[in-house]
Protein backbone atom coordinates (compact mmCIF):
# COMPACT_ATOMS: atom_id res chain seq x y z
CA MET A 1 -54.17 119.56 -82.85
CA ASP A 2 -50.93 120.13 -80.95
CA GLY A 3 -48.14 117.57 -81.05
CA LEU A 4 -48.55 116.32 -84.61
CA MET A 5 -45.74 116.05 -87.15
CA MET A 6 -44.58 119.18 -88.99
CA ASP A 7 -46.07 119.91 -92.40
CA PHE A 8 -42.92 119.18 -94.45
CA GLN A 9 -43.37 119.70 -98.19
CA LEU A 10 -42.36 116.75 -100.41
CA THR A 11 -40.61 118.58 -103.24
CA LEU A 12 -37.64 117.93 -105.52
CA PRO A 13 -35.41 120.76 -104.18
CA HIS A 14 -34.99 118.59 -101.08
CA LEU A 15 -33.51 115.78 -103.24
CA LEU A 16 -31.27 118.29 -105.05
CA ARG A 17 -29.82 119.60 -101.79
CA ARG A 18 -29.51 116.08 -100.36
CA ALA A 19 -27.48 114.87 -103.34
CA GLU A 20 -25.16 117.89 -103.16
CA THR A 21 -24.69 117.63 -99.42
CA TYR A 22 -24.24 113.90 -98.89
CA PHE A 23 -23.45 112.32 -102.26
CA GLY A 24 -21.50 115.06 -104.02
CA ASN A 25 -18.70 112.69 -105.11
CA GLY A 26 -21.13 110.13 -106.54
CA GLU A 27 -20.68 109.44 -110.25
CA ILE A 28 -22.99 110.09 -113.18
CA VAL A 29 -21.61 108.36 -116.26
CA THR A 30 -22.86 108.94 -119.82
CA ARG A 31 -22.02 107.10 -123.01
CA LEU A 32 -21.41 109.78 -125.63
CA PRO A 33 -22.30 109.51 -129.34
CA ASP A 34 -18.70 108.45 -130.12
CA LYS A 35 -19.12 105.63 -127.53
CA THR A 36 -16.60 107.09 -125.06
CA PHE A 37 -17.76 107.67 -121.48
CA HIS A 38 -18.24 111.10 -119.91
CA ARG A 39 -17.93 111.20 -116.12
CA THR A 40 -19.23 113.81 -113.74
CA THR A 41 -20.45 113.99 -110.14
CA TYR A 42 -23.68 114.72 -108.33
CA ALA A 43 -22.12 117.91 -106.97
CA ASP A 44 -21.35 119.24 -110.45
CA THR A 45 -24.67 118.02 -111.89
CA MET A 46 -26.75 119.66 -109.18
CA ARG A 47 -24.73 122.88 -109.45
CA ARG A 48 -25.53 122.95 -113.16
CA ALA A 49 -29.18 122.14 -112.38
CA ARG A 50 -29.30 125.25 -110.18
CA GLN A 51 -27.71 127.26 -113.01
CA LEU A 52 -30.43 126.00 -115.35
CA ALA A 53 -33.15 127.04 -112.90
CA VAL A 54 -31.65 130.53 -112.62
CA ALA A 55 -31.17 130.88 -116.39
CA LEU A 56 -34.77 129.92 -117.18
CA LYS A 57 -36.05 132.49 -114.72
CA GLU A 58 -33.80 135.16 -116.23
CA LEU A 59 -35.27 134.33 -119.65
CA GLY A 60 -38.59 135.54 -118.34
CA LEU A 61 -40.24 132.17 -117.84
CA GLU A 62 -42.82 132.14 -115.07
CA ARG A 63 -43.69 129.65 -112.39
CA GLY A 64 -45.58 126.71 -113.90
CA ASP A 65 -44.35 127.27 -117.48
CA ARG A 66 -43.58 124.14 -119.45
CA VAL A 67 -40.00 123.48 -120.55
CA ALA A 68 -39.65 120.56 -122.95
CA THR A 69 -36.76 118.18 -123.50
CA LEU A 70 -36.08 116.26 -126.71
CA CYS A 71 -33.11 114.18 -125.57
CA TRP A 72 -31.63 110.75 -125.10
CA ASN A 73 -30.55 109.48 -121.64
CA HIS A 74 -27.53 111.51 -120.51
CA HIS A 75 -26.20 113.72 -117.73
CA GLN A 76 -27.55 116.95 -119.24
CA HIS A 77 -31.02 115.42 -119.31
CA HIS A 78 -30.51 114.58 -115.63
CA GLU A 79 -29.73 118.24 -114.99
CA ALA A 80 -33.02 119.15 -116.65
CA TYR A 81 -34.86 116.61 -114.48
CA PHE A 82 -33.89 118.74 -111.48
CA GLY A 83 -33.17 122.23 -112.81
CA ILE A 84 -36.55 122.70 -114.47
CA PRO A 85 -38.85 121.62 -111.57
CA CYS A 86 -36.53 123.09 -108.91
CA GLY A 87 -36.89 126.44 -110.65
CA GLY A 88 -40.66 126.21 -110.31
CA PHE A 89 -41.19 125.20 -113.94
CA VAL A 90 -42.61 121.96 -115.37
CA LEU A 91 -40.41 119.40 -117.10
CA HIS A 92 -42.13 118.10 -120.24
CA THR A 93 -40.29 115.16 -121.80
CA LEU A 94 -41.05 114.80 -125.52
CA ASN A 95 -40.98 111.28 -126.95
CA LEU A 96 -38.41 111.41 -129.75
CA ARG A 97 -39.86 108.27 -131.36
CA LEU A 98 -43.23 109.83 -132.10
CA HIS A 99 -44.30 111.22 -135.47
CA PRO A 100 -43.68 114.97 -135.90
CA ASN A 101 -47.45 115.53 -136.17
CA ASP A 102 -47.95 113.95 -132.75
CA LEU A 103 -45.07 115.97 -131.30
CA ALA A 104 -46.55 119.19 -132.69
CA TYR A 105 -49.90 118.38 -131.05
CA ILE A 106 -48.28 117.41 -127.73
CA ALA A 107 -46.02 120.47 -127.49
CA ASN A 108 -48.92 122.75 -128.36
CA HIS A 109 -51.39 121.08 -126.02
CA ALA A 110 -48.91 121.32 -123.15
CA GLY A 111 -48.05 124.94 -123.98
CA ASP A 112 -44.29 124.41 -124.10
CA ARG A 113 -42.35 127.70 -124.10
CA ALA A 114 -38.80 126.36 -124.39
CA VAL A 115 -37.07 123.16 -125.42
CA ILE A 116 -33.70 121.55 -124.68
CA VAL A 117 -32.69 119.34 -127.61
CA ASP A 118 -29.80 117.08 -128.59
CA ARG A 119 -28.02 118.26 -131.73
CA SER A 120 -28.74 114.90 -133.39
CA LEU A 121 -32.47 115.50 -132.86
CA LEU A 122 -32.58 119.03 -134.27
CA PRO A 123 -33.85 117.77 -137.66
CA LEU A 124 -36.80 116.18 -135.85
CA LEU A 125 -37.55 119.40 -133.94
CA GLU A 126 -37.42 121.40 -137.17
CA GLN A 127 -40.20 119.23 -138.58
CA PHE A 128 -42.73 120.47 -136.05
CA ARG A 129 -41.42 123.56 -134.21
CA ASP A 130 -43.22 126.06 -136.44
CA ARG A 131 -46.53 124.49 -135.37
CA THR A 132 -45.86 125.13 -131.67
CA GLN A 133 -45.56 128.04 -129.22
CA ILE A 134 -41.90 127.25 -128.45
CA GLU A 135 -39.96 130.53 -128.06
CA HIS A 136 -36.52 129.27 -127.00
CA VAL A 137 -34.41 126.38 -128.33
CA PHE A 138 -31.27 125.25 -126.51
CA VAL A 139 -29.03 122.68 -128.19
CA VAL A 140 -27.33 120.44 -125.62
CA GLU A 141 -23.90 120.59 -127.25
CA ASP A 142 -23.69 124.39 -127.66
CA SER A 143 -26.43 126.95 -126.85
CA TYR A 144 -27.44 125.00 -123.75
CA GLU A 145 -23.89 125.40 -122.43
CA GLU A 146 -24.02 129.11 -123.22
CA LEU A 147 -27.33 129.35 -121.31
CA LEU A 148 -25.76 127.79 -118.21
CA ALA A 149 -22.55 129.81 -118.47
CA GLY A 150 -24.55 133.02 -118.17
CA ALA A 151 -26.14 132.00 -114.87
CA ASP A 152 -24.72 131.82 -111.34
CA ALA A 153 -25.74 128.73 -109.37
CA ASP A 154 -25.47 130.72 -106.15
CA ASP A 155 -28.33 132.92 -107.34
CA TRP A 156 -30.74 129.98 -107.08
CA VAL A 157 -33.28 130.39 -104.32
CA ASP A 158 -35.57 127.53 -103.35
CA PRO A 159 -38.95 128.66 -104.73
CA GLU A 160 -40.67 127.06 -101.69
CA LEU A 161 -43.03 125.08 -103.86
CA ASP A 162 -46.24 123.52 -102.71
CA GLU A 163 -45.86 119.75 -103.02
CA ARG A 164 -49.04 119.61 -105.13
CA GLU A 165 -47.59 121.88 -107.82
CA ALA A 166 -46.68 120.20 -111.09
CA SER A 167 -43.10 118.97 -111.46
CA ALA A 168 -43.29 117.14 -114.78
CA MET A 169 -45.63 115.91 -117.46
CA CYS A 170 -45.64 113.08 -119.95
CA TYR A 171 -48.04 112.15 -122.73
CA THR A 172 -49.34 108.71 -123.56
CA SER A 173 -48.12 107.38 -126.89
CA GLY A 174 -51.50 107.83 -128.52
CA THR A 175 -51.95 104.35 -129.98
CA THR A 176 -55.69 105.00 -129.92
CA GLY A 177 -56.85 108.58 -130.41
CA LEU A 178 -54.87 111.68 -129.56
CA PRO A 179 -52.05 111.49 -126.99
CA LYS A 180 -53.19 112.39 -123.48
CA GLY A 181 -51.17 114.37 -120.95
CA VAL A 182 -50.44 113.23 -117.41
CA THR A 183 -49.10 115.79 -114.95
CA TYR A 184 -46.95 114.61 -112.05
CA SER A 185 -46.80 116.66 -108.85
CA HIS A 186 -43.71 117.08 -106.69
CA ARG A 187 -45.48 115.03 -104.01
CA SER A 188 -46.35 112.17 -106.36
CA THR A 189 -42.82 112.12 -107.79
CA VAL A 190 -41.15 111.94 -104.37
CA LEU A 191 -43.57 109.32 -103.05
CA HIS A 192 -43.18 107.23 -106.21
CA ALA A 193 -39.39 107.28 -105.80
CA LEU A 194 -39.72 106.20 -102.17
CA GLY A 195 -42.26 103.52 -103.05
CA VAL A 196 -40.19 101.94 -105.82
CA ALA A 197 -36.93 102.07 -103.85
CA ALA A 198 -38.54 100.57 -100.74
CA ASN A 199 -40.41 97.80 -102.55
CA ASN A 200 -37.45 95.93 -103.95
CA PRO A 201 -38.88 92.45 -104.58
CA LEU A 202 -35.54 90.67 -104.15
CA GLY A 203 -35.10 92.11 -100.67
CA LEU A 204 -31.68 93.49 -101.57
CA GLY A 205 -32.53 97.17 -101.59
CA VAL A 206 -31.36 99.93 -103.90
CA SER A 207 -28.54 101.68 -102.11
CA VAL A 208 -25.68 104.13 -102.53
CA ALA A 209 -23.45 101.16 -103.37
CA ASP A 210 -25.59 99.97 -106.31
CA PRO A 211 -24.93 101.51 -109.75
CA ILE A 212 -28.13 101.89 -111.78
CA LEU A 213 -28.44 101.86 -115.58
CA PRO A 214 -31.82 103.14 -116.83
CA VAL A 215 -32.28 101.78 -120.35
CA VAL A 216 -35.90 102.91 -120.17
CA PRO A 217 -35.99 106.28 -121.95
CA MET A 218 -35.99 109.47 -119.90
CA PHE A 219 -38.66 110.72 -122.31
CA HIS A 220 -41.12 108.08 -121.07
CA ALA A 221 -42.84 108.37 -117.67
CA ASN A 222 -39.84 109.88 -115.86
CA ALA A 223 -37.69 106.84 -116.80
CA TRP A 224 -39.78 104.86 -114.29
CA GLY A 225 -38.48 107.21 -111.57
CA TYR A 226 -34.90 105.88 -111.62
CA PRO A 227 -33.16 109.27 -112.07
CA TYR A 228 -34.95 110.43 -108.92
CA ILE A 229 -34.44 107.14 -107.05
CA ALA A 230 -30.70 107.11 -107.79
CA THR A 231 -30.34 110.75 -106.73
CA MET A 232 -32.32 110.13 -103.54
CA VAL A 233 -30.02 107.29 -102.42
CA GLY A 234 -26.83 108.63 -104.02
CA ALA A 235 -26.33 105.65 -106.33
CA LYS A 236 -23.98 105.84 -109.29
CA LEU A 237 -25.96 106.44 -112.50
CA VAL A 238 -24.92 105.02 -115.87
CA TYR A 239 -26.71 106.57 -118.85
CA PRO A 240 -26.46 104.73 -122.19
CA GLY A 241 -26.98 107.78 -124.41
CA LEU A 242 -28.28 106.72 -127.80
CA HIS A 243 -26.45 103.37 -127.76
CA LEU A 244 -29.21 100.88 -126.97
CA ASP A 245 -27.92 97.91 -128.97
CA PRO A 246 -27.27 94.73 -126.90
CA GLU A 247 -23.48 94.81 -127.26
CA SER A 248 -23.16 98.44 -126.12
CA LEU A 249 -25.46 97.82 -123.17
CA LEU A 250 -23.59 94.68 -122.11
CA ASP A 251 -20.27 96.54 -122.35
CA ALA A 252 -21.69 99.25 -120.06
CA LEU A 253 -23.27 96.78 -117.64
CA ALA A 254 -20.00 94.91 -117.25
CA GLY A 255 -17.57 97.82 -117.43
CA GLU A 256 -19.40 99.99 -114.91
CA LYS A 257 -20.28 97.06 -112.60
CA VAL A 258 -23.99 97.89 -112.76
CA ALA A 259 -26.17 96.38 -110.01
CA TRP A 260 -29.62 97.31 -111.33
CA ALA A 261 -30.88 97.98 -114.84
CA ALA A 262 -34.37 98.80 -116.11
CA GLY A 263 -35.95 98.49 -119.54
CA VAL A 264 -38.65 96.94 -121.73
CA PRO A 265 -38.72 93.21 -122.63
CA THR A 266 -37.58 93.71 -126.24
CA ILE A 267 -34.27 95.17 -124.98
CA TRP A 268 -33.60 92.21 -122.68
CA MET A 269 -34.60 89.64 -125.30
CA GLY A 270 -31.86 91.00 -127.56
CA ILE A 271 -29.38 90.93 -124.68
CA LEU A 272 -30.35 87.33 -123.87
CA GLN A 273 -29.68 86.20 -127.43
CA LEU A 274 -26.23 87.87 -127.42
CA LEU A 275 -25.33 86.37 -124.03
CA ASP A 276 -26.38 82.91 -125.20
CA ALA A 277 -24.23 83.29 -128.31
CA ASN A 278 -21.19 84.54 -126.36
CA PRO A 279 -20.99 82.67 -123.04
CA GLY A 280 -18.42 84.12 -120.66
CA ARG A 281 -17.66 87.22 -122.74
CA TRP A 282 -19.06 89.69 -120.20
CA ASP A 283 -18.56 89.63 -116.43
CA LEU A 284 -22.03 90.44 -115.08
CA SER A 285 -21.38 89.25 -111.53
CA ALA A 286 -22.23 92.69 -110.10
CA ILE A 287 -25.82 92.56 -111.36
CA LYS A 288 -28.37 92.01 -108.59
CA GLY A 289 -31.38 92.18 -110.88
CA MET A 290 -33.03 93.69 -113.92
CA PHE A 291 -36.35 95.50 -113.72
CA VAL A 292 -38.48 94.78 -116.78
CA GLY A 293 -41.81 96.38 -117.65
CA GLY A 294 -43.76 98.23 -120.31
CA ALA A 295 -45.15 94.97 -121.69
CA ALA A 296 -45.72 91.45 -120.39
CA VAL A 297 -42.44 89.66 -119.67
CA PRO A 298 -42.26 86.15 -121.19
CA ARG A 299 -41.89 83.47 -118.53
CA ALA A 300 -39.30 81.75 -120.71
CA MET A 301 -37.13 84.88 -120.62
CA ILE A 302 -37.31 85.09 -116.82
CA ALA A 303 -36.25 81.45 -116.52
CA ALA A 304 -33.51 81.74 -119.17
CA PHE A 305 -31.79 84.73 -117.55
CA GLU A 306 -31.75 83.11 -114.12
CA GLN A 307 -30.94 79.54 -115.12
CA ARG A 308 -28.38 80.24 -117.85
CA HIS A 309 -26.84 83.51 -116.63
CA GLY A 310 -27.68 83.81 -112.93
CA ILE A 311 -29.50 87.12 -113.39
CA PRO A 312 -32.87 87.66 -111.65
CA ILE A 313 -35.63 89.40 -113.61
CA VAL A 314 -38.15 91.53 -111.71
CA GLN A 315 -41.32 92.22 -113.61
CA GLY A 316 -43.20 95.43 -112.92
CA TRP A 317 -46.52 96.78 -114.12
CA GLY A 318 -47.63 100.34 -114.57
CA MET A 319 -48.70 103.04 -116.98
CA THR A 320 -47.95 106.68 -117.73
CA GLU A 321 -51.01 107.37 -115.58
CA THR A 322 -49.42 105.60 -112.57
CA SER A 323 -46.08 107.50 -112.64
CA PRO A 324 -45.56 104.61 -113.82
CA VAL A 325 -44.73 101.78 -111.37
CA ALA A 326 -47.76 100.36 -109.56
CA SER A 327 -46.87 96.70 -108.91
CA THR A 328 -43.89 94.36 -108.92
CA ALA A 329 -43.54 90.58 -108.92
CA CYS A 330 -42.43 89.82 -105.38
CA LEU A 331 -42.78 86.53 -103.49
CA PRO A 332 -43.67 86.55 -99.78
CA HIS A 333 -41.68 84.42 -97.33
CA ASP A 334 -43.65 81.20 -97.74
CA LEU A 335 -43.35 81.26 -101.55
CA ALA A 336 -39.74 82.37 -101.91
CA ASP A 337 -38.40 78.81 -101.80
CA VAL A 338 -40.96 76.96 -103.92
CA GLU A 339 -39.79 74.80 -106.81
CA ASP A 340 -38.47 76.69 -109.82
CA GLU A 341 -41.40 75.85 -112.10
CA GLU A 342 -43.94 77.35 -109.70
CA ARG A 343 -41.64 80.25 -108.83
CA PHE A 344 -41.19 81.23 -112.49
CA ASP A 345 -44.97 81.00 -112.96
CA LEU A 346 -45.45 83.52 -110.15
CA LEU A 347 -42.62 85.80 -111.30
CA ALA A 348 -44.29 86.01 -114.72
CA PHE A 349 -47.27 87.72 -113.08
CA ALA A 350 -47.43 91.51 -112.77
CA GLY A 351 -47.17 90.96 -109.04
CA MET A 352 -48.50 92.77 -106.01
CA PRO A 353 -49.19 96.50 -105.67
CA LEU A 354 -46.58 98.80 -104.17
CA PRO A 355 -47.38 100.19 -100.70
CA PHE A 356 -50.22 102.74 -100.85
CA VAL A 357 -51.33 101.56 -104.30
CA GLU A 358 -54.68 99.75 -104.35
CA LEU A 359 -55.93 97.46 -107.13
CA ARG A 360 -59.22 95.83 -108.01
CA ALA A 361 -60.61 94.10 -111.10
CA ARG A 362 -64.24 94.32 -112.14
CA VAL A 363 -66.73 93.26 -114.76
CA GLY A 364 -69.37 95.94 -114.78
CA ASP A 365 -69.92 96.87 -111.13
CA GLU A 366 -68.87 93.48 -109.75
CA GLU A 367 -65.37 92.62 -108.56
CA ILE A 368 -64.04 89.35 -109.95
CA PRO A 369 -63.10 86.50 -107.57
CA TRP A 370 -59.44 85.87 -106.78
CA ASP A 371 -59.40 82.46 -108.38
CA GLY A 372 -56.81 82.91 -111.16
CA GLU A 373 -59.49 82.22 -113.78
CA ALA A 374 -62.09 85.01 -113.91
CA MET A 375 -61.08 88.05 -115.96
CA GLY A 376 -62.02 91.69 -115.53
CA GLU A 377 -60.72 95.21 -116.10
CA LEU A 378 -58.00 96.35 -113.69
CA GLU A 379 -58.65 99.55 -111.74
CA VAL A 380 -56.09 101.38 -109.61
CA ARG A 381 -55.81 104.27 -107.16
CA GLY A 382 -53.03 105.71 -105.02
CA PRO A 383 -50.90 108.79 -104.27
CA TRP A 384 -49.00 108.61 -107.58
CA VAL A 385 -51.98 107.70 -109.77
CA ALA A 386 -53.42 110.45 -111.98
CA SER A 387 -56.84 111.83 -111.11
CA GLY A 388 -57.46 113.04 -114.68
CA TYR A 389 -55.76 113.91 -117.95
CA TYR A 390 -54.34 117.37 -118.51
CA ASP A 391 -56.94 119.62 -120.18
CA THR A 392 -58.84 116.66 -121.61
CA PRO A 393 -62.26 116.66 -119.90
CA GLU A 394 -63.76 114.34 -122.52
CA GLN A 395 -61.72 111.50 -120.99
CA ALA A 396 -63.28 111.84 -117.52
CA ASP A 397 -65.05 108.50 -117.92
CA ARG A 398 -61.68 106.73 -117.46
CA TRP A 399 -62.21 107.38 -113.73
CA THR A 400 -64.99 105.88 -111.63
CA ASP A 401 -67.25 107.99 -109.44
CA ASP A 402 -65.34 106.77 -106.37
CA GLY A 403 -61.93 107.75 -107.78
CA TRP A 404 -60.48 104.59 -109.37
CA PHE A 405 -58.63 104.78 -112.69
CA LYS A 406 -59.85 102.26 -115.28
CA THR A 407 -56.63 101.00 -116.85
CA GLY A 408 -58.00 99.13 -119.87
CA ASP A 409 -55.95 96.07 -118.86
CA ILE A 410 -57.82 92.77 -118.64
CA VAL A 411 -56.51 90.70 -115.73
CA SER A 412 -57.12 87.74 -113.49
CA MET A 413 -56.30 87.71 -109.78
CA HIS A 414 -54.28 84.91 -108.21
CA PRO A 415 -55.67 83.73 -104.81
CA ARG A 416 -52.67 85.40 -103.12
CA GLY A 417 -53.46 88.73 -104.78
CA TYR A 418 -50.99 88.65 -107.67
CA VAL A 419 -52.17 90.36 -110.82
CA GLN A 420 -51.87 88.46 -114.09
CA ILE A 421 -52.21 90.71 -117.12
CA LYS A 422 -54.23 88.85 -119.72
CA ASP A 423 -54.53 91.59 -122.32
CA ARG A 424 -55.37 95.16 -123.15
CA SER A 425 -59.13 95.60 -123.50
CA LYS A 426 -58.57 96.59 -127.15
CA ASP A 427 -56.42 93.50 -127.81
CA VAL A 428 -58.31 90.75 -125.95
CA ILE A 429 -59.73 88.13 -128.32
CA LYS A 430 -63.41 87.29 -127.89
CA SER A 431 -64.12 83.97 -129.57
CA GLY A 432 -67.58 82.42 -129.31
CA GLY A 433 -68.38 84.74 -126.41
CA GLU A 434 -65.29 83.67 -124.41
CA TRP A 435 -62.08 85.61 -123.85
CA ILE A 436 -58.69 84.43 -125.11
CA SER A 437 -55.56 86.11 -123.73
CA SER A 438 -53.17 87.11 -126.50
CA VAL A 439 -50.47 87.76 -123.87
CA GLU A 440 -50.55 84.18 -122.57
CA LEU A 441 -50.31 82.78 -126.10
CA GLU A 442 -47.42 85.15 -126.90
CA ASN A 443 -45.47 84.17 -123.79
CA ALA A 444 -45.95 80.51 -124.56
CA LEU A 445 -44.86 80.92 -128.19
CA MET A 446 -41.72 82.78 -127.13
CA ALA A 447 -40.71 79.73 -125.09
CA HIS A 448 -40.34 77.74 -128.34
CA PRO A 449 -36.62 77.34 -129.08
CA ALA A 450 -37.00 78.58 -132.68
CA VAL A 451 -39.03 81.72 -131.83
CA ALA A 452 -37.41 85.12 -131.21
CA GLU A 453 -40.61 87.17 -130.90
CA ALA A 454 -44.33 86.48 -131.17
CA ALA A 455 -47.45 88.63 -131.19
CA VAL A 456 -51.02 87.34 -131.26
CA ILE A 457 -53.89 89.38 -132.68
CA ALA A 458 -57.62 88.96 -133.17
CA ILE A 459 -58.90 88.48 -136.72
CA PRO A 460 -62.57 88.47 -137.78
CA ASP A 461 -64.28 85.08 -138.06
CA ASP A 462 -67.75 84.46 -139.47
CA LYS A 463 -68.54 81.64 -137.04
CA TRP A 464 -66.80 82.65 -133.81
CA GLY A 465 -66.65 86.44 -134.15
CA GLU A 466 -62.87 86.52 -133.62
CA ARG A 467 -60.03 84.01 -133.72
CA PRO A 468 -56.35 84.33 -132.71
CA LEU A 469 -53.61 84.71 -135.32
CA GLY A 470 -49.97 84.21 -134.37
CA CYS A 471 -47.29 86.50 -135.89
CA VAL A 472 -43.86 84.97 -135.39
CA VAL A 473 -40.26 86.09 -135.86
CA LEU A 474 -37.90 83.10 -136.03
CA LYS A 475 -34.38 83.18 -134.62
CA PRO A 476 -31.60 83.41 -137.23
CA GLY A 477 -31.05 80.01 -138.79
CA ALA A 478 -34.04 78.45 -136.98
CA ALA A 479 -37.07 76.83 -138.60
CA ALA A 480 -40.61 76.00 -137.49
CA THR A 481 -43.93 75.36 -139.17
CA ALA A 482 -47.41 76.43 -138.15
CA ASP A 483 -48.26 72.84 -137.23
CA GLU A 484 -45.18 72.55 -135.03
CA LEU A 485 -46.03 75.75 -133.18
CA ARG A 486 -49.63 74.61 -132.70
CA GLU A 487 -48.43 71.27 -131.33
CA PHE A 488 -46.07 73.13 -128.97
CA LEU A 489 -48.99 75.16 -127.58
CA ALA A 490 -51.49 72.30 -127.38
CA PRO A 491 -50.48 70.89 -123.95
CA GLN A 492 -50.82 74.33 -122.34
CA PHE A 493 -54.17 75.60 -123.63
CA ALA A 494 -57.71 74.53 -124.39
CA LYS A 495 -58.07 73.49 -128.00
CA TRP A 496 -60.28 76.46 -128.87
CA TRP A 497 -57.50 78.86 -127.77
CA LEU A 498 -55.05 77.55 -130.40
CA PRO A 499 -54.49 79.76 -133.47
CA GLU A 500 -55.48 78.14 -136.76
CA ARG A 501 -53.27 80.58 -138.61
CA PHE A 502 -49.67 81.74 -138.22
CA GLU A 503 -47.76 84.37 -140.16
CA PHE A 504 -43.96 84.36 -140.24
CA VAL A 505 -42.54 87.90 -140.41
CA ASP A 506 -39.08 89.51 -140.41
CA GLU A 507 -39.99 91.82 -137.54
CA ILE A 508 -42.94 92.81 -135.40
CA PRO A 509 -43.80 96.53 -135.56
CA LYS A 510 -43.34 98.28 -132.23
CA THR A 511 -44.61 101.45 -130.60
CA SER A 512 -42.36 104.32 -129.54
CA VAL A 513 -41.81 102.65 -126.15
CA GLY A 514 -41.10 99.14 -127.43
CA LYS A 515 -44.53 97.53 -127.18
CA PHE A 516 -45.93 95.40 -130.01
CA ARG A 517 -47.97 97.61 -132.38
CA LYS A 518 -50.88 95.27 -132.93
CA THR A 519 -52.87 97.78 -134.95
CA ALA A 520 -50.24 97.49 -137.68
CA LEU A 521 -50.42 93.69 -137.57
CA ARG A 522 -54.20 93.78 -137.84
CA ASP A 523 -53.92 96.06 -140.87
CA MET A 524 -51.51 93.55 -142.43
CA PHE A 525 -53.25 90.26 -141.68
CA ALA A 526 -56.86 90.71 -140.58
CA GLN A 527 -58.23 90.38 -144.12
CA GLU A 528 -57.76 87.47 -146.50
CA PRO A 529 -55.67 84.56 -145.18
CA THR A 530 -52.20 84.12 -146.66
CA PRO A 531 -50.00 81.00 -146.66
CA ALA A 532 -49.08 80.11 -143.07
CA GLN A 533 -45.56 78.85 -143.75
CA PRO A 534 -42.23 80.64 -143.43
CA ALA A 535 -40.64 81.85 -146.63
């Protein structure tokens, strides 16, 4: 039909050219291993990205070939984020926290032909490279520079990609079964960046004037899209390198006047403890908000950051399969000014879906009512939601016949449409035929003044089938007993929800992306009871 819009392809070369043309002087800052800061610009970074694209082609790599990265968050990794897909290849970020056996499987399954690796991670690569098809290894600090030096950025020609071609891929962490690959298209990557940038829940926008610090690893789900979002709007980027301890992050947040940061709850819990212990040490007045996701965000943490430090927390929900951001905790006009207690309750939900993302929750074939009580499995669909796993047909049952992805998250739906994550389907506790949310118990426990971290798991019970067990890490110098914790929970939950048993531990095992590794806790405590008092 005449008169319609032109068929403009949504591909990453457009963002590369945009950054060079309009934001060339914008800064990309990286904290180096020696803790000094390296500074470069978008113009130089995108020139080097074009060199990388040219060099990979001259190596003999073909369109669609996988090029892996095994790197921390830094400016060279940013170059790879653009140089690889803008050359027509597929960026495959390897999770450096996985076991070498998992990495060998993932690199092989993806068919990686080359890898860019930090020198500090070479020993890890050497543990699995001989079990892969990797032909070329480029070390960031030396051979990678030689690779770029041999290529002319002016030789780069836009490969005129179809927006549905693959731009990147990431594998799930494989907590149950083998890791599964998710392939992102150029179209899904661009739309995801637009969707996240446009759906700022605080109404403040992410703009060229707002420095962004992605603590979330670049090896996990495209760092939640922030390298692409920052490049799209021309915002200053601050990469922390391998320095993810609270003090280093706070130094970077303050020193670089960061407006937005993004990371998992365990990172921000450590930062909160350091801020509480050192009031006034860091000037964080530039911060507009911190995006937190990857696991449920404790309500107590949201309240503490805002009330004690004036920093808003924005909770998001998503998965590798959703690129990953699918919802954020935003409050419409009529709820923005409610009393703090109700507002923090709502901000502790996973929120509302981003534009063009659709959510539903079902038990069997029936959708659950939006009453905040009924629980069902969350399903999702949208333009940046995977339609299947890469070369894994046996997992097709994760998608419904009408195209919805079954997330495995057990949720309830607030009457206004907010999603409240109750549990993962594999972690939900079924006691006497009724569900108990481990996430709600964990969030409540972490509001206790003596508790640093808490995880709740299901343990077998002869009478009830399963019962909750609380695993608790106490703050340094703090004390609490099982009875005290149970009394703290009692006003908030039905009696049958309360754990009979608590275990006090030095630390809670975590997955490669910072989530509680409950399988390890079940291995430790699901058998014979042990004394439920701290040592």
